[in-house]
């Protein structure tokens, strides 16, 4: 089964949103980090889909379906560095501010 370009594009759109500093950015970051390593970076509450714009929720659903179908972590797509940046911003920095 071949990758769907729309799924890969959705991953990149979500990464861009997660790099922001809004409530929606936080929900997207939580979703992406749960995919990367839920036991280390926390899970994702599915009801948080209700807290993002519909287009964002649809991208999250695409990525969820893609991950379930192809069974790859983000590193497989060369995105490890982007996810490390999310950890640095959303987990390490936030922890230090508390």
PDB file of N, CA and C in Angstrom:
ATOM      1  N   UNK A   1       0.849  -1.186   0.000  1.00  0.00           N
ATOM      2  CA  UNK A   1       0.000   0.000   0.000  1.00  0.00           C
ATOM      3  C   UNK A   1       0.893   1.248   0.000  1.00  0.00           C
ATOM      4  N   UNK A   2       0.623   2.160  -0.859  1.00  0.00           N
ATOM      5  CA  UNK A   2       1.437   3.374  -0.987  1.00  0.00           C
ATOM      6  C   UNK A   2       0.944   4.460  -0.038  1.00  0.00           C
ATOM      7  N   UNK A   3       1.881   5.276   0.378  1.00  0.00           N
ATOM      8  CA  UNK A   3       1.515   6.408   1.220  1.00  0.00           C
ATOM      9  C   UNK A   3       0.624   7.360   0.448  1.00  0.00           C
ATOM     10  N   UNK A   4      -0.238   8.018   1.167  1.00  0.00           N
ATOM     11  CA  UNK A   4      -1.114   9.014   0.567  1.00  0.00           C
ATOM     12  C   UNK A   4      -0.499  10.382   0.820  1.00  0.00           C
ATOM     13  N   UNK A   5      -0.240  11.123  -0.263  1.00  0.00           N
ATOM     14  CA  UNK A   5       0.375  12.448  -0.115  1.00  0.00           C
ATOM     15  C   UNK A   5      -0.414  13.338   0.835  1.00  0.00           C
ATOM     16  N   UNK A   6      -1.734  13.230   0.798  1.00  0.00           N
ATOM     17  CA  UNK A   6      -2.558  14.042   1.688  1.00  0.00           C
ATOM     18  C   UNK A   6      -2.275  13.774   3.153  1.00  0.00           C
ATOM     19  N   UNK A   7      -1.938  12.516   3.465  1.00  0.00           N
ATOM     20  CA  UNK A   7      -1.615  12.167   4.849  1.00  0.00           C
ATOM     21  C   UNK A   7      -0.295  12.816   5.265  1.00  0.00           C
ATOM     22  N   UNK A   8       0.686  12.742   4.402  1.00  0.00           N
ATOM     23  CA  UNK A   8       1.995  13.341   4.697  1.00  0.00           C
ATOM     24  C   UNK A   8       1.856  14.855   4.798  1.00  0.00           C
ATOM     25  N   UNK A   9       1.063  15.439   3.928  1.00  0.00           N
ATOM     26  CA  UNK A   9       0.821  16.885   4.000  1.00  0.00           C
ATOM     27  C   UNK A   9       0.128  17.252   5.298  1.00  0.00           C
ATOM     28  N   UNK A  10      -0.788  16.399   5.748  1.00  0.00           N
ATOM     29  CA  UNK A  10      -1.491  16.643   7.018  1.00  0.00           C
ATOM     30  C   UNK A  10      -0.505  16.645   8.177  1.00  0.00           C
ATOM     31  N   UNK A  11       0.443  15.722   8.150  1.00  0.00           N
ATOM     32  CA  UNK A  11       1.470  15.677   9.206  1.00  0.00           C
ATOM     33  C   UNK A  11       2.223  17.001   9.245  1.00  0.00           C
ATOM     34  N   UNK A  12       2.621  17.501   8.101  1.00  0.00           N
ATOM     35  CA  UNK A  12       3.375  18.757   8.045  1.00  0.00           C
ATOM     36  C   UNK A  12       2.527  19.949   8.484  1.00  0.00           C
ATOM     37  N   UNK A  13       1.251  19.963   8.106  1.00  0.00           N
ATOM     38  CA  UNK A  13       0.374  21.053   8.564  1.00  0.00           C
ATOM     39  C   UNK A  13       0.236  21.019  10.081  1.00  0.00           C
ATOM     40  N   UNK A  14       0.076  19.829  10.641  1.00  0.00           N
ATOM     41  CA  UNK A  14      -0.070  19.719  12.090  1.00  0.00           C
ATOM     42  C   UNK A  14       1.210  20.119  12.814  1.00  0.00           C
ATOM     43  N   UNK A  15       2.345  19.745  12.254  1.00  0.00           N
ATOM     44  CA  UNK A  15       3.616  20.164  12.865  1.00  0.00           C
ATOM     45  C   UNK A  15       3.717  21.685  12.916  1.00  0.00           C
ATOM     46  N   UNK A  16       3.315  22.329  11.846  1.00  0.00           N
ATOM     47  CA  UNK A  16       3.368  23.797  11.810  1.00  0.00           C
ATOM     48  C   UNK A  16       2.452  24.395  12.887  1.00  0.00           C
ATOM     49  N   UNK A  17       1.269  23.844  13.037  1.00  0.00           N
ATOM     50  CA  UNK A  17       0.337  24.335  14.056  1.00  0.00           C
ATOM     51  C   UNK A  17       0.904  24.088  15.449  1.00  0.00           C
ATOM     52  N   UNK A  18       1.466  22.900  15.664  1.00  0.00           N
ATOM     53  CA  UNK A  18       1.997  22.543  16.985  1.00  0.00           C
ATOM     54  C   UNK A  18       3.159  23.431  17.398  1.00  0.00           C
ATOM     55  N   UNK A  19       3.814  24.065  16.447  1.00  0.00           N
ATOM     56  CA  UNK A  19       4.928  24.954  16.762  1.00  0.00           C
ATOM     57  C   UNK A  19       4.458  26.331  17.207  1.00  0.00           C
ATOM     58  N   UNK A  20       3.156  26.551  17.179  1.00  0.00           N
ATOM     59  CA  UNK A  20       2.597  27.825  17.627  1.00  0.00           C
ATOM     60  C   UNK A  20       2.448  27.863  19.136  1.00  0.00           C
ATOM     61  N   UNK A  21       1.738  28.871  19.613  1.00  0.00           N
ATOM     62  CA  UNK A  21       1.573  29.045  21.057  1.00  0.00           C
ATOM     63  C   UNK A  21       0.106  29.345  21.386  1.00  0.00           C
ATOM     64  N   UNK A  22      -0.785  28.505  20.863  1.00  0.00           N
ATOM     65  CA  UNK A  22      -2.211  28.678  21.117  1.00  0.00           C
ATOM     66  C   UNK A  22      -2.756  27.424  21.788  1.00  0.00           C
ATOM     67  N   UNK A  23      -3.993  27.486  22.220  1.00  0.00           N
ATOM     68  CA  UNK A  23      -4.631  26.309  22.785  1.00  0.00           C
ATOM     69  C   UNK A  23      -4.704  25.181  21.769  1.00  0.00           C
ATOM     70  N   UNK A  24      -5.047  25.535  20.534  1.00  0.00           N
ATOM     71  CA  UNK A  24      -5.108  24.521  19.486  1.00  0.00           C
ATOM     72  C   UNK A  24      -3.721  23.932  19.239  1.00  0.00           C
ATOM     73  N   UNK A  25      -2.693  24.750  19.316  1.00  0.00           N
ATOM     74  CA  UNK A  25      -1.322  24.265  19.141  1.00  0.00           C
ATOM     75  C   UNK A  25      -0.994  23.221  20.200  1.00  0.00           C
ATOM     76  N   UNK A  26      -1.422  23.470  21.416  1.00  0.00           N
ATOM     77  CA  UNK A  26      -1.172  22.529  22.514  1.00  0.00           C
ATOM     78  C   UNK A  26      -1.862  21.191  22.255  1.00  0.00           C
ATOM     79  N   UNK A  27      -3.119  21.235  21.815  1.00  0.00           N
ATOM     80  CA  UNK A  27      -3.843  19.989  21.532  1.00  0.00           C
ATOM     81  C   UNK A  27      -3.181  19.214  20.399  1.00  0.00           C
ATOM     82  N   UNK A  28      -2.744  19.929  19.375  1.00  0.00           N
ATOM     83  CA  UNK A  28      -2.081  19.279  18.240  1.00  0.00           C
ATOM     84  C   UNK A  28      -0.748  18.692  18.681  1.00  0.00           C
ATOM     85  N   UNK A  29       0.006  19.435  19.481  1.00  0.00           N
ATOM     86  CA  UNK A  29       1.285  18.923  19.985  1.00  0.00           C
ATOM     87  C   UNK A  29       1.056  17.661  20.826  1.00  0.00           C
ATOM     88  N   UNK A  30       0.050  17.671  21.676  1.00  0.00           N
ATOM     89  CA  UNK A  30      -0.258  16.488  22.482  1.00  0.00           C
ATOM     90  C   UNK A  30      -0.570  15.288  21.599  1.00  0.00           C
ATOM     91  N   UNK A  31      -1.336  15.520  20.548  1.00  0.00           N
ATOM     92  CA  UNK A  31      -1.680  14.454  19.612  1.00  0.00           C
ATOM     93  C   UNK A  31      -0.434  13.891  18.939  1.00  0.00           C
ATOM     94  N   UNK A  32       0.398  14.772  18.407  1.00  0.00           N
ATOM     95  CA  UNK A  32       1.599  14.321  17.700  1.00  0.00           C
ATOM     96  C   UNK A  32       2.575  13.621  18.643  1.00  0.00           C
ATOM     97  N   UNK A  33       2.752  14.159  19.833  1.00  0.00           N
ATOM     98  CA  UNK A  33       3.687  13.548  20.771  1.00  0.00           C
ATOM     99  C   UNK A  33       3.177  12.209  21.296  1.00  0.00           C
ATOM    100  N   UNK A  34       1.862  12.043  21.359  1.00  0.00           N
ATOM    101  CA  UNK A  34       1.305  10.742  21.742  1.00  0.00           C
ATOM    102  C   UNK A  34       1.632   9.699  20.682  1.00  0.00           C
ATOM    103  N   UNK A  35       1.638  10.111  19.421  1.00  0.00           N
ATOM    104  CA  UNK A  35       2.015   9.197  18.344  1.00  0.00           C
ATOM    105  C   UNK A  35       3.491   8.835  18.453  1.00  0.00           C
ATOM    106  N   UNK A  36       4.317   9.821  18.760  1.00  0.00           N
ATOM    107  CA  UNK A  36       5.761   9.580  18.790  1.00  0.00           C
ATOM    108  C   UNK A  36       6.152   8.675  19.958  1.00  0.00           C
ATOM    109  N   UNK A  37       5.631   8.986  21.156  1.00  0.00           N
ATOM    110  CA  UNK A  37       5.976   8.182  22.327  1.00  0.00           C
ATOM    111  C   UNK A  37       5.028   8.553  23.471  1.00  0.00           C
ATOM    112  N   UNK A  38       3.876   7.906  23.501  1.00  0.00           N
ATOM    113  CA  UNK A  38       2.849   8.240  24.489  1.00  0.00           C
ATOM    114  C   UNK A  38       3.291   7.976  25.916  1.00  0.00           C
ATOM    115  N   UNK A  39       4.059   6.914  26.132  1.00  0.00           N
ATOM    116  CA  UNK A  39       4.466   6.602  27.506  1.00  0.00           C
ATOM    117  C   UNK A  39       5.427   7.644  28.062  1.00  0.00           C
ATOM    118  N   UNK A  40       6.186   8.273  27.205  1.00  0.00           N
ATOM    119  CA  UNK A  40       7.136   9.282  27.655  1.00  0.00           C
ATOM    120  C   UNK A  40       6.547  10.698  27.609  1.00  0.00           C
ATOM    121  N   UNK A  41       5.743  11.002  26.597  1.00  0.00           N
ATOM    122  CA  UNK A  41       5.295  12.378  26.387  1.00  0.00           C
ATOM    123  C   UNK A  41       3.813  12.599  26.623  1.00  0.00           C
ATOM    124  N   UNK A  42       3.145  11.594  27.126  1.00  0.00           N
ATOM    125  CA  UNK A  42       1.732  11.744  27.452  1.00  0.00           C
ATOM    126  C   UNK A  42       0.819  11.285  26.332  1.00  0.00           C
ATOM    127  N   UNK A  43      -0.384  10.959  26.730  1.00  0.00           N
ATOM    128  CA  UNK A  43      -1.375  10.494  25.775  1.00  0.00           C
ATOM    129  C   UNK A  43      -2.168  11.639  25.179  1.00  0.00           C
ATOM    130  N   UNK A  44      -3.204  11.263  24.470  1.00  0.00           N
ATOM    131  CA  UNK A  44      -4.071  12.250  23.837  1.00  0.00           C
ATOM    132  C   UNK A  44      -5.515  11.911  24.157  1.00  0.00           C
ATOM    133  N   UNK A  45      -6.229  12.871  24.688  1.00  0.00           N
ATOM    134  CA  UNK A  45      -7.643  12.715  25.012  1.00  0.00           C
ATOM    135  C   UNK A  45      -8.435  12.934  23.723  1.00  0.00           C
ATOM    136  N   UNK A  46      -9.130  11.916  23.257  1.00  0.00           N
ATOM    137  CA  UNK A  46      -9.864  12.041  21.995  1.00  0.00           C
ATOM    138  C   UNK A  46     -10.890  13.171  22.008  1.00  0.00           C
ATOM    139  N   UNK A  47     -11.405  13.530  23.171  1.00  0.00           N
ATOM    140  CA  UNK A  47     -12.361  14.633  23.214  1.00  0.00           C
ATOM    141  C   UNK A  47     -11.690  15.975  22.920  1.00  0.00           C
ATOM    142  N   UNK A  48     -10.351  16.011  22.924  1.00  0.00           N
ATOM    143  CA  UNK A  48      -9.663  17.242  22.535  1.00  0.00           C
ATOM    144  C   UNK A  48      -9.865  17.556  21.054  1.00  0.00           C
ATOM    145  N   UNK A  49     -10.328  16.575  20.290  1.00  0.00           N
ATOM    146  CA  UNK A  49     -10.701  16.856  18.896  1.00  0.00           C
ATOM    147  C   UNK A  49     -11.797  17.912  18.836  1.00  0.00           C
ATOM    148  N   UNK A  50     -12.586  18.011  19.881  1.00  0.00           N
ATOM    149  CA  UNK A  50     -13.672  18.978  19.934  1.00  0.00           C
ATOM    150  C   UNK A  50     -13.154  20.400  20.156  1.00  0.00           C
ATOM    151  N   UNK A  51     -11.892  20.512  20.556  1.00  0.00           N
ATOM    152  CA  UNK A  51     -11.315  21.815  20.896  1.00  0.00           C
ATOM    153  C   UNK A  51     -10.460  22.417  19.792  1.00  0.00           C
ATOM    154  N   UNK A  52     -10.478  21.808  18.628  1.00  0.00           N
ATOM    155  CA  UNK A  52      -9.725  22.344  17.497  1.00  0.00           C
ATOM    156  C   UNK A  52     -10.678  22.592  16.338  1.00  0.00           C
ATOM    157  N   UNK A  53     -10.267  23.452  15.426  1.00  0.00           N
ATOM    158  CA  UNK A  53     -11.066  23.709  14.233  1.00  0.00           C
ATOM    159  C   UNK A  53     -11.284  22.411  13.461  1.00  0.00           C
ATOM    160  N   UNK A  54     -12.366  22.354  12.718  1.00  0.00           N
ATOM    161  CA  UNK A  54     -12.718  21.140  11.980  1.00  0.00           C
ATOM    162  C   UNK A  54     -11.614  20.698  11.025  1.00  0.00           C
ATOM    163  N   UNK A  55     -10.972  21.643  10.336  1.00  0.00           N
ATOM    164  CA  UNK A  55      -9.902  21.280   9.398  1.00  0.00           C
ATOM    165  C   UNK A  55      -8.723  20.635  10.129  1.00  0.00           C
ATOM    166  N   UNK A  56      -8.418  21.127  11.317  1.00  0.00           N
ATOM    167  CA  UNK A  56      -7.337  20.548  12.119  1.00  0.00           C
ATOM    168  C   UNK A  56      -7.735  19.146  12.561  1.00  0.00           C
ATOM    169  N   UNK A  57      -8.970  18.992  13.036  1.00  0.00           N
ATOM    170  CA  UNK A  57      -9.451  17.674  13.464  1.00  0.00           C
ATOM    171  C   UNK A  57      -9.373  16.683  12.303  1.00  0.00           C
ATOM    172  N   UNK A  58      -9.729  17.123  11.115  1.00  0.00           N
ATOM    173  CA  UNK A  58      -9.675  16.228   9.951  1.00  0.00           C
ATOM    174  C   UNK A  58      -8.240  15.819   9.641  1.00  0.00           C
ATOM    175  N   UNK A  59      -7.288  16.737   9.793  1.00  0.00           N
ATOM    176  CA  UNK A  59      -5.883  16.378   9.602  1.00  0.00           C
ATOM    177  C   UNK A  59      -5.432  15.382  10.664  1.00  0.00           C
ATOM    178  N   UNK A  60      -5.894  15.561  11.898  1.00  0.00           N
ATOM    179  CA  UNK A  60      -5.534  14.631  12.963  1.00  0.00           C
ATOM    180  C   UNK A  60      -6.084  13.239  12.647  1.00  0.00           C
ATOM    181  N   UNK A  61      -7.287  13.179  12.138  1.00  0.00           N
ATOM    182  CA  UNK A  61      -7.892  11.897  11.772  1.00  0.00           C
ATOM    183  C   UNK A  61      -7.104  11.252  10.640  1.00  0.00           C
ATOM    184  N   UNK A  62      -6.659  12.036   9.665  1.00  0.00           N
ATOM    185  CA  UNK A  62      -5.831  11.504   8.576  1.00  0.00           C
ATOM    186  C   UNK A  62      -4.543  10.894   9.118  1.00  0.00           C
ATOM    187  N   UNK A  63      -3.909  11.598  10.031  1.00  0.00           N
ATOM    188  CA  UNK A  63      -2.644  11.113  10.593  1.00  0.00           C
ATOM    189  C   UNK A  63      -2.888   9.864  11.436  1.00  0.00           C
ATOM    190  N   UNK A  64      -3.969   9.852  12.191  1.00  0.00           N
ATOM    191  CA  UNK A  64      -4.314   8.671  12.990  1.00  0.00           C
ATOM    192  C   UNK A  64      -4.508   7.461  12.079  1.00  0.00           C
ATOM    193  N   UNK A  65      -5.275   7.653  11.004  1.00  0.00           N
ATOM    194  CA  UNK A  65      -5.514   6.564  10.055  1.00  0.00           C
ATOM    195  C   UNK A  65      -4.211   6.119   9.397  1.00  0.00           C
ATOM    196  N   UNK A  66      -3.383   7.078   9.043  1.00  0.00           N
ATOM    197  CA  UNK A  66      -2.096   6.780   8.412  1.00  0.00           C
ATOM    198  C   UNK A  66      -1.217   5.958   9.364  1.00  0.00           C
ATOM    199  N   UNK A  67      -1.139   6.375  10.614  1.00  0.00           N
ATOM    200  CA  UNK A  67      -0.314   5.654  11.593  1.00  0.00           C
ATOM    201  C   UNK A  67      -0.841   4.237  11.802  1.00  0.00           C
ATOM    202  N   UNK A  68      -2.149   4.086  11.846  1.00  0.00           N
ATOM    203  CA  UNK A  68      -2.742   2.762  12.031  1.00  0.00           C
ATOM    204  C   UNK A  68      -2.493   1.861  10.825  1.00  0.00           C
ATOM    205  N   UNK A  69      -2.505   2.446   9.644  1.00  0.00           N
ATOM    206  CA  UNK A  69      -2.338   1.670   8.408  1.00  0.00           C
ATOM    207  C   UNK A  69      -0.893   1.272   8.175  1.00  0.00           C
ATOM    208  N   UNK A  70       0.034   2.228   8.327  1.00  0.00           N
ATOM    209  CA  UNK A  70       1.423   1.977   7.939  1.00  0.00           C
ATOM    210  C   UNK A  70       2.332   1.602   9.103  1.00  0.00           C
ATOM    211  N   UNK A  71       1.860   1.848  10.334  1.00  0.00           N
ATOM    212  CA  UNK A  71       2.588   1.415  11.538  1.00  0.00           C
ATOM    213  C   UNK A  71       4.027   1.927  11.594  1.00  0.00           C
ATOM    214  N   UNK A  72       4.164   3.215  11.341  1.00  0.00           N
ATOM    215  CA  UNK A  72       5.474   3.861  11.428  1.00  0.00           C
ATOM    216  C   UNK A  72       5.412   4.994  12.439  1.00  0.00           C
ATOM    217  N   UNK A  73       6.538   5.182  13.109  1.00  0.00           N
ATOM    218  CA  UNK A  73       6.693   6.360  13.966  1.00  0.00           C
ATOM    219  C   UNK A  73       7.116   7.535  13.096  1.00  0.00           C
ATOM    220  N   UNK A  74       6.985   8.758  13.602  1.00  0.00           N
ATOM    221  CA  UNK A  74       7.360   9.932  12.811  1.00  0.00           C
ATOM    222  C   UNK A  74       8.808   9.901  12.312  1.00  0.00           C
ATOM    223  N   UNK A  75       9.689   9.263  13.051  1.00  0.00           N
ATOM    224  CA  UNK A  75      11.098   9.187  12.640  1.00  0.00           C
ATOM    225  C   UNK A  75      11.245   8.555  11.257  1.00  0.00           C
ATOM    226  N   UNK A  76      10.345   7.646  10.928  1.00  0.00           N
ATOM    227  CA  UNK A  76      10.388   6.961   9.637  1.00  0.00           C
ATOM    228  C   UNK A  76      10.317   7.965   8.476  1.00  0.00           C
ATOM    229  N   UNK A  77       9.661   9.083   8.714  1.00  0.00           N
ATOM    230  CA  UNK A  77       9.478  10.109   7.687  1.00  0.00           C
ATOM    231  C   UNK A  77      10.524  11.217   7.797  1.00  0.00           C
ATOM    232  N   UNK A  78      11.548  10.987   8.612  1.00  0.00           N
ATOM    233  CA  UNK A  78      12.590  11.989   8.787  1.00  0.00           C
ATOM    234  C   UNK A  78      12.152  13.167   9.640  1.00  0.00           C
ATOM    235  N   UNK A  79      11.186  12.941  10.520  1.00  0.00           N
ATOM    236  CA  UNK A  79      10.619  14.040  11.306  1.00  0.00           C
ATOM    237  C   UNK A  79      11.069  14.042  12.765  1.00  0.00           C
ATOM    238  N   UNK A  80      12.020  13.190  13.107  1.00  0.00           N
ATOM    239  CA  UNK A  80      12.468  13.102  14.494  1.00  0.00           C
ATOM    240  C   UNK A  80      12.893  14.438  15.068  1.00  0.00           C
ATOM    241  N   UNK A  81      13.633  15.222  14.300  1.00  0.00           N
ATOM    242  CA  UNK A  81      14.099  16.522  14.786  1.00  0.00           C
ATOM    243  C   UNK A  81      12.931  17.463  15.067  1.00  0.00           C
ATOM    244  N   UNK A  82      11.909  17.440  14.235  1.00  0.00           N
ATOM    245  CA  UNK A  82      10.727  18.282  14.457  1.00  0.00           C
ATOM    246  C   UNK A  82      10.012  17.881  15.743  1.00  0.00           C
ATOM    247  N   UNK A  83       9.950  16.587  15.980  1.00  0.00           N
ATOM    248  CA  UNK A  83       9.285  16.101  17.192  1.00  0.00           C
ATOM    249  C   UNK A  83      10.123  16.403  18.429  1.00  0.00           C
ATOM    250  N   UNK A  84      11.432  16.345  18.315  1.00  0.00           N
ATOM    251  CA  UNK A  84      12.297  16.733  19.433  1.00  0.00           C
ATOM    252  C   UNK A  84      12.079  18.199  19.784  1.00  0.00           C
ATOM    253  N   UNK A  85      11.868  19.032  18.778  1.00  0.00           N
ATOM    254  CA  UNK A  85      11.584  20.447  19.031  1.00  0.00           C
ATOM    255  C   UNK A  85      10.261  20.606  19.768  1.00  0.00           C
ATOM    256  N   UNK A  86       9.270  19.796  19.407  1.00  0.00           N
ATOM    257  CA  UNK A  86       7.990  19.848  20.122  1.00  0.00           C
ATOM    258  C   UNK A  86       8.165  19.446  21.581  1.00  0.00           C
ATOM    259  N   UNK A  87       8.953  18.423  21.820  1.00  0.00           N
ATOM    260  CA  UNK A  87       9.216  18.002  23.202  1.00  0.00           C
ATOM    261  C   UNK A  87       9.890  19.129  23.958  1.00  0.00           C
ATOM    262  N   UNK A  88      10.878  19.738  23.342  1.00  0.00           N
ATOM    263  CA  UNK A  88      11.603  20.827  23.985  1.00  0.00           C
ATOM    264  C   UNK A  88      10.660  21.973  24.348  1.00  0.00           C
ATOM    265  N   UNK A  89       9.778  22.323  23.427  1.00  0.00           N
ATOM    266  CA  UNK A  89       8.884  23.451  23.664  1.00  0.00           C
ATOM    267  C   UNK A  89       7.716  23.084  24.579  1.00  0.00           C
ATOM    268  N   UNK A  90       7.016  22.002  24.266  1.00  0.00           N
ATOM    269  CA  UNK A  90       5.780  21.690  24.976  1.00  0.00           C
ATOM    270  C   UNK A  90       5.965  20.898  26.256  1.00  0.00           C
ATOM    271  N   UNK A  91       7.074  20.227  26.411  1.00  0.00           N
ATOM    272  CA  UNK A  91       7.260  19.436  27.631  1.00  0.00           C
ATOM    273  C   UNK A  91       8.362  20.033  28.518  1.00  0.00           C
ATOM    274  N   UNK A  92       9.549  20.167  27.995  1.00  0.00           N
ATOM    275  CA  UNK A  92      10.673  20.626  28.825  1.00  0.00           C
ATOM    276  C   UNK A  92      10.526  22.093  29.215  1.00  0.00           C
ATOM    277  N   UNK A  93      10.248  22.961  28.276  1.00  0.00           N
ATOM    278  CA  UNK A  93      10.131  24.398  28.554  1.00  0.00           C
ATOM    279  C   UNK A  93       8.953  24.656  29.499  1.00  0.00           C
ATOM    280  N   UNK A  94       7.834  24.036  29.212  1.00  0.00           N
ATOM    281  CA  UNK A  94       6.630  24.239  30.039  1.00  0.00           C
ATOM    282  C   UNK A  94       6.873  23.734  31.465  1.00  0.00           C
ATOM    283  N   UNK A  95       7.573  22.628  31.583  1.00  0.00           N
ATOM    284  CA  UNK A  95       7.872  22.083  32.911  1.00  0.00           C
ATOM    285  C   UNK A  95       8.751  23.061  33.678  1.00  0.00           C
ATOM    286  N   UNK A  96       9.704  23.673  33.002  1.00  0.00           N
ATOM    287  CA  UNK A  96      10.620  24.615  33.642  1.00  0.00           C
ATOM    288  C   UNK A  96       9.897  25.890  34.085  1.00  0.00           C
ATOM    289  N   UNK A  97       8.816  26.261  33.387  1.00  0.00           N
ATOM    290  CA  UNK A  97       8.074  27.477  33.725  1.00  0.00           C
ATOM    291  C   UNK A  97       7.176  27.309  34.942  1.00  0.00           C
ATOM    292  N   UNK A  98       6.898  26.059  35.299  1.00  0.00           N
ATOM    293  CA  UNK A  98       5.982  25.812  36.428  1.00  0.00           C
ATOM    294  C   UNK A  98       6.641  26.070  37.747  1.00  0.00           C
TER     295      UNK A  98
END
